[in-house]
PDB file of N, CA and C in Angstrom:
ATOM      1  N   MET A   1     160.020  44.960  50.360  1.00  0.00           N
ATOM      2  CA  MET A   1     158.589  44.830  50.459  1.00  0.00           C
ATOM      3  C   MET A   1     157.987  45.232  49.124  1.00  0.00           C
ATOM      4  N   GLY A   2     156.976  44.489  48.671  1.00  0.00           N
ATOM      5  CA  GLY A   2     156.381  44.757  47.368  1.00  0.00           C
ATOM      6  C   GLY A   2     155.456  45.955  47.384  1.00  0.00           C
ATOM      7  N   GLN A   3     155.092  46.376  46.200  1.00  0.00           N
ATOM      8  CA  GLN A   3     154.196  47.516  46.056  1.00  0.00           C
ATOM      9  C   GLN A   3     152.818  47.175  46.618  1.00  0.00           C
ATOM     10  N   GLY A   4     152.199  48.121  47.343  1.00  0.00           N
ATOM     11  CA  GLY A   4     150.869  47.912  47.910  1.00  0.00           C
ATOM     12  C   GLY A   4     150.881  47.171  49.234  1.00  0.00           C
ATOM     13  N   GLN A   5     152.061  46.935  49.811  1.00  0.00           N
ATOM     14  CA  GLN A   5     152.131  46.243  51.090  1.00  0.00           C
ATOM     15  C   GLN A   5     152.426  47.235  52.200  1.00  0.00           C
ATOM     16  N   HIS A   6     151.903  46.951  53.370  1.00  0.00           N
ATOM     17  CA  HIS A   6     152.110  47.800  54.540  1.00  0.00           C
ATOM     18  C   HIS A   6     152.717  46.946  55.636  1.00  0.00           C
ATOM     19  N   PHE A   7     153.720  47.461  56.316  1.00  0.00           N
ATOM     20  CA  PHE A   7     154.467  46.722  57.322  1.00  0.00           C
ATOM     21  C   PHE A   7     154.061  47.201  58.701  1.00  0.00           C
ATOM     22  N   LEU A   8     153.778  46.277  59.613  1.00  0.00           N
ATOM     23  CA  LEU A   8     153.394  46.623  60.979  1.00  0.00           C
ATOM     24  C   LEU A   8     154.271  45.840  61.931  1.00  0.00           C
ATOM     25  N   SER A   9     154.889  46.539  62.868  1.00  0.00           N
ATOM     26  CA  SER A   9     155.728  45.902  63.871  1.00  0.00           C
ATOM     27  C   SER A   9     155.002  45.954  65.208  1.00  0.00           C
ATOM     28  N   LEU A  10     154.851  44.827  65.846  1.00  0.00           N
ATOM     29  CA  LEU A  10     154.215  44.761  67.159  1.00  0.00           C
ATOM     30  C   LEU A  10     155.285  44.659  68.232  1.00  0.00           C
ATOM     31  N   ASP A  11     154.947  45.079  69.443  1.00  0.00           N
ATOM     32  CA  ASP A  11     155.894  45.042  70.557  1.00  0.00           C
ATOM     33  C   ASP A  11     156.374  43.635  70.879  1.00  0.00           C
ATOM     34  N   LEU A  12     155.631  42.635  70.476  1.00  0.00           N
ATOM     35  CA  LEU A  12     155.970  41.259  70.805  1.00  0.00           C
ATOM     36  C   LEU A  12     157.041  40.695  69.887  1.00  0.00           C
ATOM     37  N   GLY A  13     157.569  41.520  68.979  1.00  0.00           N
ATOM     38  CA  GLY A  13     158.562  41.022  68.047  1.00  0.00           C
ATOM     39  C   GLY A  13     157.927  40.290  66.884  1.00  0.00           C
ATOM     40  N   VAL A  14     156.615  40.434  66.719  1.00  0.00           N
ATOM     41  CA  VAL A  14     155.903  39.797  65.623  1.00  0.00           C
ATOM     42  C   VAL A  14     155.741  40.831  64.528  1.00  0.00           C
ATOM     43  N   TYR A  15     156.005  40.422  63.315  1.00  0.00           N
ATOM     44  CA  TYR A  15     155.886  41.327  62.182  1.00  0.00           C
ATOM     45  C   TYR A  15     154.794  40.818  61.255  1.00  0.00           C
ATOM     46  N   ILE A  16     153.895  41.696  60.895  1.00  0.00           N
ATOM     47  CA  ILE A  16     152.779  41.316  60.043  1.00  0.00           C
ATOM     48  C   ILE A  16     152.827  42.186  58.794  1.00  0.00           C
ATOM     49  N   VAL A  17     152.633  41.581  57.661  1.00  0.00           N
ATOM     50  CA  VAL A  17     152.572  42.331  56.417  1.00  0.00           C
ATOM     51  C   VAL A  17     151.135  42.310  55.934  1.00  0.00           C
ATOM     52  N   TYR A  18     150.573  43.492  55.786  1.00  0.00           N
ATOM     53  CA  TYR A  18     149.225  43.624  55.249  1.00  0.00           C
ATOM     54  C   TYR A  18     149.339  44.037  53.789  1.00  0.00           C
ATOM     55  N   THR A  19     148.549  43.449  52.945  1.00  0.00           N
ATOM     56  CA  THR A  19     148.550  43.840  51.542  1.00  0.00           C
ATOM     57  C   THR A  19     147.178  44.346  51.150  1.00  0.00           C
ATOM     58  N   LYS A  20     147.155  45.148  50.109  1.00  0.00           N
ATOM     59  CA  LYS A  20     145.873  45.639  49.601  1.00  0.00           C
ATOM     60  C   LYS A  20     145.089  44.508  48.959  1.00  0.00           C
ATOM     61  N   ASP A  21     145.770  43.430  48.647  1.00  0.00           N
ATOM     62  CA  ASP A  21     145.138  42.309  47.962  1.00  0.00           C
ATOM     63  C   ASP A  21     144.727  41.199  48.928  1.00  0.00           C
ATOM     64  N   MET A  22     144.476  41.557  50.201  1.00  0.00           N
ATOM     65  CA  MET A  22     144.107  40.533  51.188  1.00  0.00           C
ATOM     66  C   MET A  22     142.837  39.816  50.735  1.00  0.00           C
ATOM     67  N   ASN A  23     142.790  38.539  50.981  1.00  0.00           N
ATOM     68  CA  ASN A  23     141.650  37.726  50.595  1.00  0.00           C
ATOM     69  C   ASN A  23     140.565  37.862  51.664  1.00  0.00           C
ATOM     70  N   THR A  24     139.630  38.752  51.468  1.00  0.00           N
ATOM     71  CA  THR A  24     138.564  38.980  52.441  1.00  0.00           C
ATOM     72  C   THR A  24     137.216  38.961  51.748  1.00  0.00           C
ATOM     73  N   ALA A  25     136.180  38.708  52.520  1.00  0.00           N
ATOM     74  CA  ALA A  25     134.811  38.743  52.032  1.00  0.00           C
ATOM     75  C   ALA A  25     134.013  39.674  52.934  1.00  0.00           C
ATOM     76  N   VAL A  26     133.052  40.330  52.356  1.00  0.00           N
ATOM     77  CA  VAL A  26     132.210  41.246  53.114  1.00  0.00           C
ATOM     78  C   VAL A  26     130.933  40.510  53.505  1.00  0.00           C
ATOM     79  N   ILE A  27     130.566  40.616  54.774  1.00  0.00           N
ATOM     80  CA  ILE A  27     129.320  40.047  55.273  1.00  0.00           C
ATOM     81  C   ILE A  27     128.441  41.208  55.713  1.00  0.00           C
ATOM     82  N   ASN A  28     127.261  41.302  55.155  1.00  0.00           N
ATOM     83  CA  ASN A  28     126.306  42.333  55.573  1.00  0.00           C
ATOM     84  C   ASN A  28     125.275  41.690  56.485  1.00  0.00           C
ATOM     85  N   ILE A  29     125.091  42.265  57.656  1.00  0.00           N
ATOM     86  CA  ILE A  29     124.085  41.756  58.585  1.00  0.00           C
ATOM     87  C   ILE A  29     123.155  42.892  58.960  1.00  0.00           C
ATOM     88  N   LYS A  30     121.984  42.532  59.416  1.00  0.00           N
ATOM     89  CA  LYS A  30     121.037  43.522  59.906  1.00  0.00           C
ATOM     90  C   LYS A  30     120.967  43.388  61.417  1.00  0.00           C
ATOM     91  N   THR A  31     121.110  44.504  62.093  1.00  0.00           N
ATOM     92  CA  THR A  31     121.001  44.525  63.549  1.00  0.00           C
ATOM     93  C   THR A  31     120.484  45.888  63.955  1.00  0.00           C
ATOM     94  N   GLU A  32     120.001  45.974  65.154  1.00  0.00           N
ATOM     95  CA  GLU A  32     119.509  47.252  65.658  1.00  0.00           C
ATOM     96  C   GLU A  32     120.691  48.198  65.838  1.00  0.00           C
ATOM     97  N   PRO A  33     120.513  49.478  65.514  1.00  0.00           N
ATOM     98  CA  PRO A  33     121.612  50.440  65.653  1.00  0.00           C
ATOM     99  C   PRO A  33     122.223  50.460  67.054  1.00  0.00           C
ATOM    100  N   GLN A  34     121.396  50.357  68.083  1.00  0.00           N
ATOM    101  CA  GLN A  34     121.920  50.369  69.460  1.00  0.00           C
ATOM    102  C   GLN A  34     122.774  49.151  69.754  1.00  0.00           C
ATOM    103  N   VAL A  35     122.394  48.002  69.179  1.00  0.00           N
ATOM    104  CA  VAL A  35     123.179  46.782  69.379  1.00  0.00           C
ATOM    105  C   VAL A  35     124.557  46.974  68.764  1.00  0.00           C
ATOM    106  N   LYS A  36     124.599  47.533  67.550  1.00  0.00           N
ATOM    107  CA  LYS A  36     125.891  47.769  66.892  1.00  0.00           C
ATOM    108  C   LYS A  36     126.747  48.731  67.709  1.00  0.00           C
ATOM    109  N   LYS A  37     126.148  49.822  68.167  1.00  0.00           N
ATOM    110  CA  LYS A  37     126.902  50.818  68.937  1.00  0.00           C
ATOM    111  C   LYS A  37     127.459  50.209  70.221  1.00  0.00           C
ATOM    112  N   LYS A  38     126.627  49.460  70.938  1.00  0.00           N
ATOM    113  CA  LYS A  38     127.076  48.844  72.186  1.00  0.00           C
ATOM    114  C   LYS A  38     128.162  47.808  71.927  1.00  0.00           C
ATOM    115  N   ALA A  39     128.020  47.034  70.838  1.00  0.00           N
ATOM    116  CA  ALA A  39     129.035  46.040  70.497  1.00  0.00           C
ATOM    117  C   ALA A  39     130.354  46.715  70.137  1.00  0.00           C
ATOM    118  N   GLN A  40     130.282  47.847  69.443  1.00  0.00           N
ATOM    119  CA  GLN A  40     131.499  48.584  69.106  1.00  0.00           C
ATOM    120  C   GLN A  40     132.198  49.082  70.362  1.00  0.00           C
ATOM    121  N   VAL A  41     131.415  49.542  71.333  1.00  0.00           N
ATOM    122  CA  VAL A  41     131.994  50.017  72.595  1.00  0.00           C
ATOM    123  C   VAL A  41     132.692  48.869  73.322  1.00  0.00           C
ATOM    124  N   VAL A  42     132.026  47.718  73.389  1.00  0.00           N
ATOM    125  CA  VAL A  42     132.617  46.555  74.064  1.00  0.00           C
ATOM    126  C   VAL A  42     133.899  46.136  73.358  1.00  0.00           C
ATOM    127  N   ALA A  43     133.853  46.064  72.029  1.00  0.00           N
ATOM    128  CA  ALA A  43     135.046  45.678  71.271  1.00  0.00           C
ATOM    129  C   ALA A  43     136.173  46.673  71.518  1.00  0.00           C
ATOM    130  N   GLU A  44     135.840  47.953  71.514  1.00  0.00           N
ATOM    131  CA  GLU A  44     136.847  48.991  71.752  1.00  0.00           C
ATOM    132  C   GLU A  44     137.453  48.846  73.145  1.00  0.00           C
ATOM    133  N   GLU A  45     136.614  48.549  74.139  1.00  0.00           N
ATOM    134  CA  GLU A  45     137.113  48.348  75.500  1.00  0.00           C
ATOM    135  C   GLU A  45     138.062  47.153  75.566  1.00  0.00           C
ATOM    136  N   MET A  46     137.851  46.185  74.676  1.00  0.00           N
ATOM    137  CA  MET A  46     138.706  44.995  74.619  1.00  0.00           C
ATOM    138  C   MET A  46     139.956  45.262  73.780  1.00  0.00           C
ATOM    139  N   GLY A  47     139.984  46.412  73.118  1.00  0.00           N
ATOM    140  CA  GLY A  47     141.146  46.771  72.315  1.00  0.00           C
ATOM    141  C   GLY A  47     141.157  46.173  70.921  1.00  0.00           C
ATOM    142  N   ILE A  48     139.976  45.792  70.428  1.00  0.00           N
ATOM    143  CA  ILE A  48     139.892  45.228  69.077  1.00  0.00           C
ATOM    144  C   ILE A  48     138.747  45.888  68.325  1.00  0.00           C
ATOM    145  N   SER A  49     138.735  45.680  67.028  1.00  0.00           N
ATOM    146  CA  SER A  49     137.645  46.228  66.212  1.00  0.00           C
ATOM    147  C   SER A  49     136.452  45.278  66.256  1.00  0.00           C
ATOM    148  N   LEU A  50     135.300  45.804  65.907  1.00  0.00           N
ATOM    149  CA  LEU A  50     134.108  44.962  65.838  1.00  0.00           C
ATOM    150  C   LEU A  50     134.298  43.887  64.774  1.00  0.00           C
ATOM    151  N   SER A  51     134.963  44.228  63.686  1.00  0.00           N
ATOM    152  CA  SER A  51     135.250  43.262  62.627  1.00  0.00           C
ATOM    153  C   SER A  51     136.107  42.114  63.160  1.00  0.00           C
ATOM    154  N   SER A  52     137.134  42.435  63.947  1.00  0.00           N
ATOM    155  CA  SER A  52     137.996  41.390  64.528  1.00  0.00           C
ATOM    156  C   SER A  52     137.213  40.520  65.498  1.00  0.00           C
ATOM    157  N   LEU A  53     136.336  41.141  66.279  1.00  0.00           N
ATOM    158  CA  LEU A  53     135.519  40.387  67.225  1.00  0.00           C
ATOM    159  C   LEU A  53     134.627  39.402  66.485  1.00  0.00           C
ATOM    160  N   ILE A  54     133.987  39.853  65.408  1.00  0.00           N
ATOM    161  CA  ILE A  54     133.101  38.974  64.639  1.00  0.00           C
ATOM    162  C   ILE A  54     133.914  37.872  63.955  1.00  0.00           C
ATOM    163  N   ASN A  55     135.086  38.211  63.416  1.00  0.00           N
ATOM    164  CA  ASN A  55     135.945  37.189  62.807  1.00  0.00           C
ATOM    165  C   ASN A  55     136.340  36.133  63.830  1.00  0.00           C
ATOM    166  N   GLY A  56     136.661  36.560  65.038  1.00  0.00           N
ATOM    167  CA  GLY A  56     136.993  35.613  66.096  1.00  0.00           C
ATOM    168  C   GLY A  56     135.827  34.697  66.411  1.00  0.00           C
ATOM    169  N   PHE A  57     134.628  35.283  66.453  1.00  0.00           N
ATOM    170  CA  PHE A  57     133.426  34.485  66.704  1.00  0.00           C
ATOM    171  C   PHE A  57     133.249  33.444  65.602  1.00  0.00           C
ATOM    172  N   LEU A  58     133.411  33.865  64.340  1.00  0.00           N
ATOM    173  CA  LEU A  58     133.234  32.948  63.219  1.00  0.00           C
ATOM    174  C   LEU A  58     134.272  31.817  63.246  1.00  0.00           C
ATOM    175  N   ARG A  59     135.516  32.153  63.568  1.00  0.00           N
ATOM    176  CA  ARG A  59     136.552  31.121  63.655  1.00  0.00           C
ATOM    177  C   ARG A  59     136.249  30.125  64.775  1.00  0.00           C
ATOM    178  N   HIS A  60     135.763  30.644  65.899  1.00  0.00           N
ATOM    179  CA  HIS A  60     135.386  29.771  67.023  1.00  0.00           C
ATOM    180  C   HIS A  60     134.235  28.848  66.604  1.00  0.00           C
ATOM    181  N   LEU A  61     133.259  29.393  65.900  1.00  0.00           N
ATOM    182  CA  LEU A  61     132.132  28.595  65.411  1.00  0.00           C
ATOM    183  C   LEU A  61     132.613  27.463  64.510  1.00  0.00           C
ATOM    184  N   ILE A  62     133.521  27.782  63.589  1.00  0.00           N
ATOM    185  CA  ILE A  62     134.051  26.771  62.675  1.00  0.00           C
ATOM    186  C   ILE A  62     134.815  25.694  63.446  1.00  0.00           C
ATOM    187  N   LYS A  63     135.650  26.121  64.381  1.00  0.00           N
ATOM    188  CA  LYS A  63     136.495  25.188  65.131  1.00  0.00           C
ATOM    189  C   LYS A  63     135.686  24.275  66.043  1.00  0.00           C
ATOM    190  N   THR A  64     134.716  24.852  66.767  1.00  0.00           N
ATOM    191  CA  THR A  64     133.999  24.072  67.786  1.00  0.00           C
ATOM    192  C   THR A  64     132.619  23.590  67.353  1.00  0.00           C
ATOM    193  N   LYS A  65     132.105  24.185  66.286  1.00  0.00           N
ATOM    194  CA  LYS A  65     130.741  23.888  65.827  1.00  0.00           C
ATOM    195  C   LYS A  65     129.723  24.103  66.949  1.00  0.00           C
ATOM    196  N   THR A  66     130.004  25.098  67.786  1.00  0.00           N
ATOM    197  CA  THR A  66     129.088  25.444  68.876  1.00  0.00           C
ATOM    198  C   THR A  66     128.891  26.953  68.917  1.00  0.00           C
ATOM    199  N   VAL A  67     127.759  27.334  69.434  1.00  0.00           N
ATOM    200  CA  VAL A  67     127.455  28.744  69.656  1.00  0.00           C
ATOM    201  C   VAL A  67     127.057  28.879  71.115  1.00  0.00           C
ATOM    202  N   THR A  68     127.699  29.795  71.809  1.00  0.00           N
ATOM    203  CA  THR A  68     127.402  30.004  73.222  1.00  0.00           C
ATOM    204  C   THR A  68     126.953  31.440  73.416  1.00  0.00           C
ATOM    205  N   PHE A  69     125.793  31.620  73.972  1.00  0.00           N
ATOM    206  CA  PHE A  69     125.298  32.943  74.302  1.00  0.00           C
ATOM    207  C   PHE A  69     125.189  33.042  75.809  1.00  0.00           C
ATOM    208  N   THR A  70     125.700  34.092  76.360  1.00  0.00           N
ATOM    209  CA  THR A  70     125.532  34.334  77.780  1.00  0.00           C
ATOM    210  C   THR A  70     125.011  35.751  77.947  1.00  0.00           C
ATOM    211  N   ALA A  71     124.214  35.906  78.951  1.00  0.00           N
ATOM    212  CA  ALA A  71     123.680  37.235  79.238  1.00  0.00           C
ATOM    213  C   ALA A  71     123.431  37.334  80.729  1.00  0.00           C
ATOM    214  N   ARG A  72     123.750  38.454  81.246  1.00  0.00           N
ATOM    215  CA  ARG A  72     123.429  38.700  82.649  1.00  0.00           C
ATOM    216  C   ARG A  72     122.050  39.320  82.670  1.00  0.00           C
ATOM    217  N   GLU A  73     121.112  38.524  83.100  1.00  0.00           N
ATOM    218  CA  GLU A  73     119.737  38.996  83.102  1.00  0.00           C
ATOM    219  C   GLU A  73     119.360  39.515  84.479  1.00  0.00           C
ATOM    220  N   GLU A  74     118.582  40.538  84.471  1.00  0.00           N
ATOM    221  CA  GLU A  74     118.022  41.061  85.700  1.00  0.00           C
ATOM    222  C   GLU A  74     116.689  40.368  85.932  1.00  0.00           C
ATOM    223  N   PRO A  75     116.422  39.932  87.164  1.00  0.00           N
ATOM    224  CA  PRO A  75     115.133  39.272  87.423  1.00  0.00           C
ATOM    225  C   PRO A  75     113.980  40.255  87.252  1.00  0.00           C
ATOM    226  N   SER A  76     112.881  39.737  86.745  1.00  0.00           N
ATOM    227  CA  SER A  76     111.689  40.570  86.547  1.00  0.00           C
ATOM    228  C   SER A  76     111.073  40.898  87.904  1.00  0.00           C
ATOM    229  N   PRO A  77     110.230  41.923  87.973  1.00  0.00           N
ATOM    230  CA  PRO A  77     109.541  42.236  89.230  1.00  0.00           C
ATOM    231  C   PRO A  77     108.721  41.040  89.740  1.00  0.00           C
ATOM    232  N   TRP A  78     108.119  40.294  88.817  1.00  0.00           N
ATOM    233  CA  TRP A  78     107.339  39.117  89.212  1.00  0.00           C
ATOM    234  C   TRP A  78     108.241  38.097  89.893  1.00  0.00           C
ATOM    235  N   LEU A  79     109.428  37.845  89.315  1.00  0.00           N
ATOM    236  CA  LEU A  79     110.342  36.869  89.892  1.00  0.00           C
ATOM    237  C   LEU A  79     110.851  37.334  91.255  1.00  0.00           C
ATOM    238  N   ILE A  80     111.160  38.601  91.383  1.00  0.00           N
ATOM    239  CA  ILE A  80     111.622  39.140  92.662  1.00  0.00           C
ATOM    240  C   ILE A  80     110.547  38.930  93.732  1.00  0.00           C
ATOM    241  N   GLN A  81     109.298  39.194  93.396  1.00  0.00           N
ATOM    242  CA  GLN A  81     108.192  39.003  94.341  1.00  0.00           C
ATOM    243  C   GLN A  81     108.033  37.526  94.690  1.00  0.00           C
ATOM    244  N   ALA A  82     108.129  36.652  93.688  1.00  0.00           N
ATOM    245  CA  ALA A  82     107.999  35.204  93.934  1.00  0.00           C
ATOM    246  C   ALA A  82     109.110  34.718  94.859  1.00  0.00           C
ATOM    247  N   LEU A  83     110.324  35.226  94.679  1.00  0.00           N
ATOM    248  CA  LEU A  83     111.435  34.832  95.552  1.00  0.00           C
ATOM    249  C   LEU A  83     111.210  35.314  96.983  1.00  0.00           C
ATOM    250  N   LYS A  84     110.684  36.518  97.148  1.00  0.00           N
ATOM    251  CA  LYS A  84     110.381  37.029  98.489  1.00  0.00           C
ATOM    252  C   LYS A  84     109.331  36.162  99.168  1.00  0.00           C
ATOM    253  N   GLU A  85     108.293  35.805  98.420  1.00  0.00           N
ATOM    254  CA  GLU A  85     107.235  34.960  98.978  1.00  0.00           C
ATOM    255  C   GLU A  85     107.777  33.582  99.343  1.00  0.00           C
ATOM    256  N   SER A  86     108.661  33.070  98.494  1.00  0.00           N
ATOM    257  CA  SER A  86     109.262  31.758  98.750  1.00  0.00           C
ATOM    258  C   SER A  86     110.095  31.786 100.031  1.00  0.00           C
ATOM    259  N   LYS A  87     110.886  32.839 100.207  1.00  0.00           N
ATOM    260  CA  LYS A  87     111.692  32.965 101.429  1.00  0.00           C
ATOM    261  C   LYS A  87     110.793  33.040 102.660  1.00  0.00           C
ATOM    262  N   GLU A  88     109.707  33.778 102.537  1.00  0.00           N
ATOM    263  CA  GLU A  88     108.763  33.898 103.656  1.00  0.00           C
ATOM    264  C   GLU A  88     108.137  32.543 103.971  1.00  0.00           C
ATOM    265  N   ASP A  89     107.767  31.783 102.924  1.00  0.00           N
ATOM    266  CA  ASP A  89     107.210  30.441 103.127  1.00  0.00           C
ATOM    267  C   ASP A  89     108.206  29.541 103.846  1.00  0.00           C
ATOM    268  N   ILE A  90     109.460  29.602 103.457  1.00  0.00           N
ATOM    269  CA  ILE A  90     110.494  28.773 104.083  1.00  0.00           C
ATOM    270  C   ILE A  90     110.640  29.154 105.550  1.00  0.00           C
ATOM    271  N   LYS A  91     110.663  30.463 105.831  1.00  0.00           N
ATOM    272  CA  LYS A  91     110.796  30.940 107.218  1.00  0.00           C
ATOM    273  C   LYS A  91     109.662  30.435 108.096  1.00  0.00           C
ATOM    274  N   ARG A  92     108.459  30.416 107.553  1.00  0.00           N
ATOM    275  CA  ARG A  92     107.272  30.035 108.323  1.00  0.00           C
ATOM    276  C   ARG A  92     106.969  28.539 108.260  1.00  0.00           C
ATOM    277  N   GLY A  93     107.835  27.770 107.603  1.00  0.00           N
ATOM    278  CA  GLY A  93     107.625  26.322 107.557  1.00  0.00           C
ATOM    279  C   GLY A  93     106.554  25.892 106.581  1.00  0.00           C
ATOM    280  N   ARG A  94     106.168  26.755 105.684  1.00  0.00           N
ATOM    281  CA  ARG A  94     105.128  26.405 104.708  1.00  0.00           C
ATOM    282  C   ARG A  94     105.767  25.728 103.496  1.00  0.00           C
ATOM    283  N   VAL A  95     106.468  24.648 103.783  1.00  0.00           N
ATOM    284  CA  VAL A  95     107.146  23.863 102.752  1.00  0.00           C
ATOM    285  C   VAL A  95     106.934  22.389 103.035  1.00  0.00           C
ATOM    286  N   SER A  96     107.172  21.584 102.025  1.00  0.00           N
ATOM    287  CA  SER A  96     107.020  20.140 102.207  1.00  0.00           C
ATOM    288  C   SER A  96     108.146  19.622 103.080  1.00  0.00           C
ATOM    289  N   PRO A  97     107.938  18.471 103.674  1.00  0.00           N
ATOM    290  CA  PRO A  97     109.049  17.849 104.397  1.00  0.00           C
ATOM    291  C   PRO A  97     110.107  17.385 103.393  1.00  0.00           C
ATOM    292  N   ALA A  98     111.299  17.084 103.857  1.00  0.00           N
ATOM    293  CA  ALA A  98     112.352  16.540 102.998  1.00  0.00           C
ATOM    294  C   ALA A  98     112.080  15.052 102.777  1.00  0.00           C
ATOM    295  N   PHE A  99     112.404  14.573 101.612  1.00  0.00           N
ATOM    296  CA  PHE A  99     112.169  13.166 101.276  1.00  0.00           C
ATOM    297  C   PHE A  99     113.480  12.493 100.920  1.00  0.00           C
ATOM    298  N   ASP A 100     113.571  11.207 101.233  1.00  0.00           N
ATOM    299  CA  ASP A 100     114.763  10.425 100.908  1.00  0.00           C
ATOM    300  C   ASP A 100     114.683   9.797  99.529  1.00  0.00           C
ATOM    301  N   ASN A 101     113.439   9.709  99.003  1.00  0.00           N
ATOM    302  CA  ASN A 101     113.290   9.077  97.696  1.00  0.00           C
ATOM    303  C   ASN A 101     112.038   9.620  97.005  1.00  0.00           C
ATOM    304  N   VAL A 102     111.949   9.354  95.722  1.00  0.00           N
ATOM    305  CA  VAL A 102     110.844   9.853  94.907  1.00  0.00           C
ATOM    306  C   VAL A 102     109.519   9.212  95.331  1.00  0.00           C
ATOM    307  N   LYS A 103     109.547   7.943  95.679  1.00  0.00           N
ATOM    308  CA  LYS A 103     108.318   7.230  96.056  1.00  0.00           C
ATOM    309  C   LYS A 103     107.625   7.928  97.231  1.00  0.00           C
ATOM    310  N   ASP A 104     108.392   8.304  98.252  1.00  0.00           N
ATOM    311  CA  ASP A 104     107.813   8.989  99.414  1.00  0.00           C
ATOM    312  C   ASP A 104     107.289  10.378  99.036  1.00  0.00           C
ATOM    313  N   ALA A 105     107.996  11.071  98.154  1.00  0.00           N
ATOM    314  CA  ALA A 105     107.560  12.402  97.731  1.00  0.00           C
ATOM    315  C   ALA A 105     106.237  12.321  96.977  1.00  0.00           C
ATOM    316  N   VAL A 106     106.122  11.372  96.064  1.00  0.00           N
ATOM    317  CA  VAL A 106     104.880  11.210  95.298  1.00  0.00           C
ATOM    318  C   VAL A 106     103.738  10.798  96.222  1.00  0.00           C
ATOM    319  N   ALA A 107     104.021   9.914  97.173  1.00  0.00           N
ATOM    320  CA  ALA A 107     102.990   9.494  98.132  1.00  0.00           C
ATOM    321  C   ALA A 107     102.494  10.701  98.928  1.00  0.00           C
ATOM    322  N   TRP A 108     103.395  11.583  99.349  1.00  0.00           N
ATOM    323  CA  TRP A 108     103.009  12.781 100.099  1.00  0.00           C
ATOM    324  C   TRP A 108     102.144  13.696  99.237  1.00  0.00           C
ATOM    325  N   LEU A 109     102.526  13.861  97.973  1.00  0.00           N
ATOM    326  CA  LEU A 109     101.743  14.709  97.069  1.00  0.00           C
ATOM    327  C   LEU A 109     100.334  14.166  96.861  1.00  0.00           C
ATOM    328  N   ASN A 110     100.201  12.852  96.859  1.00  0.00           N
ATOM    329  CA  ASN A 110      98.889  12.238  96.629  1.00  0.00           C
ATOM    330  C   ASN A 110      98.072  12.032  97.910  1.00  0.00           C
ATOM    331  N   ASP A 111      98.665  12.277  99.045  1.00  0.00           N
ATOM    332  CA  ASP A 111      97.985  12.086 100.335  1.00  0.00           C
ATOM    333  C   ASP A 111      97.049  13.262 100.610  1.00  0.00           C
ATOM    334  N   PRO A 112      95.730  13.005 100.708  1.00  0.00           N
ATOM    335  CA  PRO A 112      94.783  14.095 100.965  1.00  0.00           C
ATOM    336  C   PRO A 112      94.961  14.709 102.360  1.00  0.00           C
ATOM    337  N   ASN A 113      95.652  14.012 103.254  1.00  0.00           N
ATOM    338  CA  ASN A 113      95.882  14.525 104.608  1.00  0.00           C
ATOM    339  C   ASN A 113      97.308  15.048 104.806  1.00  0.00           C
ATOM    340  N   ALA A 114      98.037  15.267 103.721  1.00  0.00           N
ATOM    341  CA  ALA A 114      99.434  15.710 103.805  1.00  0.00           C
ATOM    342  C   ALA A 114      99.517  17.050 104.523  1.00  0.00           C
ATOM    343  N   ARG A 115     100.605  17.235 105.257  1.00  0.00           N
ATOM    344  CA  ARG A 115     100.831  18.460 106.008  1.00  0.00           C
ATOM    345  C   ARG A 115     102.186  19.067 105.638  1.00  0.00           C
ATOM    346  N   LEU A 116     102.243  20.391 105.710  1.00  0.00           N
ATOM    347  CA  LEU A 116     103.500  21.094 105.513  1.00  0.00           C
ATOM    348  C   LEU A 116     104.336  20.951 106.766  1.00  0.00           C
ATOM    349  N   GLN A 117     105.601  21.407 106.720  1.00  0.00           N
ATOM    350  CA  GLN A 117     106.465  21.269 107.885  1.00  0.00           C
ATOM    351  C   GLN A 117     105.894  21.986 109.111  1.00  0.00           C
ATOM    352  N   ASN A 118     105.155  23.057 108.911  1.00  0.00           N
ATOM    353  CA  ASN A 118     104.604  23.803 110.062  1.00  0.00           C
ATOM    354  C   ASN A 118     103.285  23.208 110.554  1.00  0.00           C
ATOM    355  N   GLY A 119     102.836  22.119 109.908  1.00  0.00           N
ATOM    356  CA  GLY A 119     101.613  21.457 110.360  1.00  0.00           C
ATOM    357  C   GLY A 119     100.373  21.858 109.572  1.00  0.00           C
ATOM    358  N   ASP A 120     100.454  22.908 108.754  1.00  0.00           N
ATOM    359  CA  ASP A 120      99.296  23.316 107.946  1.00  0.00           C
ATOM    360  C   ASP A 120      98.966  22.240 106.924  1.00  0.00           C
ATOM    361  N   LYS A 121      97.694  22.120 106.631  1.00  0.00           N
ATOM    362  CA  LYS A 121      97.258  21.185 105.602  1.00  0.00           C
ATOM    363  C   LYS A 121      97.658  21.760 104.230  1.00  0.00           C
ATOM    364  N   VAL A 122      98.003  20.870 103.339  1.00  0.00           N
ATOM    365  CA  VAL A 122      98.430  21.294 101.984  1.00  0.00           C
ATOM    366  C   VAL A 122      97.266  21.870 101.231  1.00  0.00           C
TER     367      VAL A 122
END
């Protein structure tokens, strides 16, 4: 092994040689401190460094030319209330009838005498 090289043996029988002369570039980004801390925790839980996670993201971007963001969002109080009201409307029949086609649905919307499923006027 040459001078300045470090040898790493993995359990999988794969051997990697790291050198001090690795061809790398530094990317500086600005992010909120909490975002960085949380990302480091997630990366650590996955068993990789934040740098490796970002490199993986960049390689995926290059390969697929796509960016995918997913987030588990919690519904807002307004949305929770709207869903409760919607369920109550459905229970009480305060909904439109079912339609087989768009023409009938539009006709119902334009009918001044249209009724909801429970018989109430729209």
